[in-house]
């Protein structure tokens, strides 16, 4: 399991949008929950925030890579 932020982006917005979102978000103000990571590909880690694409449900989500 990993700590995931309670923020998602619909897949139709695209990978670049998700990466820009990760760069612009103030993550210490977003709650996290512990959950398993399934059916997802790691795209990139930006300043300790993992960007993942869930290919089964077509959305991007974000993980706390520092706190793990």
C-alpha atoms as a PDB file:
ATOM      1  CA  UNK A   1       0.000   0.000   0.000  1.00  0.00           C
ATOM      2  CA  UNK A   2       0.995   3.619  -0.511  1.00  0.00           C
ATOM      3  CA  UNK A   3      -0.182   7.008   0.662  1.00  0.00           C
ATOM      4  CA  UNK A   4      -2.262   8.505  -2.125  1.00  0.00           C
ATOM      5  CA  UNK A   5      -3.452  12.082  -2.209  1.00  0.00           C
ATOM      6  CA  UNK A   6      -7.197  12.685  -2.346  1.00  0.00           C
ATOM      7  CA  UNK A   7      -6.917  14.312  -5.772  1.00  0.00           C
ATOM      8  CA  UNK A   8      -7.400  12.764  -9.209  1.00  0.00           C
ATOM      9  CA  UNK A   9      -7.411  13.959 -12.810  1.00  0.00           C
ATOM     10  CA  UNK A  10      -9.597  12.392 -15.528  1.00  0.00           C
ATOM     11  CA  UNK A  11      -7.582  10.532 -18.134  1.00  0.00           C
ATOM     12  CA  UNK A  12      -8.960  12.546 -21.054  1.00  0.00           C
ATOM     13  CA  UNK A  13      -7.045  15.577 -19.747  1.00  0.00           C
ATOM     14  CA  UNK A  14      -3.807  13.832 -20.733  1.00  0.00           C
ATOM     15  CA  UNK A  15      -0.449  13.100 -19.206  1.00  0.00           C
ATOM     16  CA  UNK A  16       1.011  16.593 -19.632  1.00  0.00           C
ATOM     17  CA  UNK A  17      -1.963  18.116 -17.805  1.00  0.00           C
ATOM     18  CA  UNK A  18      -1.456  15.671 -14.919  1.00  0.00           C
ATOM     19  CA  UNK A  19       2.254  16.508 -14.724  1.00  0.00           C
ATOM     20  CA  UNK A  20       1.550  20.249 -14.736  1.00  0.00           C
ATOM     21  CA  UNK A  21      -1.097  19.718 -12.050  1.00  0.00           C
ATOM     22  CA  UNK A  22       1.460  17.888  -9.903  1.00  0.00           C
ATOM     23  CA  UNK A  23       3.924  20.757 -10.305  1.00  0.00           C
ATOM     24  CA  UNK A  24       1.387  23.440  -9.424  1.00  0.00           C
ATOM     25  CA  UNK A  25      -0.490  21.835  -6.536  1.00  0.00           C
ATOM     26  CA  UNK A  26       0.217  22.643  -2.870  1.00  0.00           C
ATOM     27  CA  UNK A  27       0.349  19.009  -1.744  1.00  0.00           C
ATOM     28  CA  UNK A  28       0.792  19.603   1.980  1.00  0.00           C
ATOM     29  CA  UNK A  29      -2.785  20.946   1.995  1.00  0.00           C
ATOM     30  CA  UNK A  30      -4.261  17.752   0.483  1.00  0.00           C
ATOM     31  CA  UNK A  31      -5.298  14.789   2.644  1.00  0.00           C
ATOM     32  CA  UNK A  32      -3.885  11.330   1.996  1.00  0.00           C
ATOM     33  CA  UNK A  33      -5.221   7.825   2.418  1.00  0.00           C
ATOM     34  CA  UNK A  34      -3.390   4.520   2.515  1.00  0.00           C
ATOM     35  CA  UNK A  35      -4.417   2.212  -0.330  1.00  0.00           C
ATOM     36  CA  UNK A  36      -3.029  -0.495  -2.603  1.00  0.00           C
ATOM     37  CA  UNK A  37      -1.766   0.474  -6.047  1.00  0.00           C
ATOM     38  CA  UNK A  38      -3.239  -1.763  -8.767  1.00  0.00           C
ATOM     39  CA  UNK A  39      -3.718  -1.463 -12.535  1.00  0.00           C
ATOM     40  CA  UNK A  40      -1.556   1.641 -12.714  1.00  0.00           C
ATOM     41  CA  UNK A  41       1.660   2.806 -14.324  1.00  0.00           C
ATOM     42  CA  UNK A  42       4.109   5.178 -12.654  1.00  0.00           C
ATOM     43  CA  UNK A  43       4.604   8.159 -14.961  1.00  0.00           C
ATOM     44  CA  UNK A  44       7.018  10.409 -13.080  1.00  0.00           C
ATOM     45  CA  UNK A  45       7.967  11.651  -9.612  1.00  0.00           C
ATOM     46  CA  UNK A  46       7.930  15.425  -9.169  1.00  0.00           C
ATOM     47  CA  UNK A  47       9.273  16.920  -5.938  1.00  0.00           C
ATOM     48  CA  UNK A  48       8.345  13.813  -3.951  1.00  0.00           C
ATOM     49  CA  UNK A  49       4.922  13.362  -5.567  1.00  0.00           C
ATOM     50  CA  UNK A  50       4.395  10.268  -7.679  1.00  0.00           C
ATOM     51  CA  UNK A  51       2.199  10.661 -10.750  1.00  0.00           C
ATOM     52  CA  UNK A  52       0.390   7.450 -11.735  1.00  0.00           C
ATOM     53  CA  UNK A  53      -2.037   6.583 -14.510  1.00  0.00           C
ATOM     54  CA  UNK A  54      -4.756   4.037 -13.714  1.00  0.00           C
ATOM     55  CA  UNK A  55      -5.270   2.412 -17.112  1.00  0.00           C
ATOM     56  CA  UNK A  56      -8.253   0.353 -15.952  1.00  0.00           C
ATOM     57  CA  UNK A  57     -10.364   3.350 -14.850  1.00  0.00           C
ATOM     58  CA  UNK A  58      -8.685   6.072 -17.021  1.00  0.00           C
ATOM     59  CA  UNK A  59      -7.553   8.604 -14.429  1.00  0.00           C
ATOM     60  CA  UNK A  60      -4.338  10.003 -12.953  1.00  0.00           C
ATOM     61  CA  UNK A  61      -3.632   9.925  -9.242  1.00  0.00           C
ATOM     62  CA  UNK A  62      -0.823  11.122  -7.016  1.00  0.00           C
ATOM     63  CA  UNK A  63       1.187   9.494  -4.231  1.00  0.00           C
ATOM     64  CA  UNK A  64       3.305  10.797  -1.390  1.00  0.00           C
ATOM     65  CA  UNK A  65       6.722   9.367  -2.290  1.00  0.00           C
ATOM     66  CA  UNK A  66       8.478  11.071   0.617  1.00  0.00           C
ATOM     67  CA  UNK A  67       6.249   9.731   3.388  1.00  0.00           C
ATOM     68  CA  UNK A  68       5.734   6.487   1.473  1.00  0.00           C
END
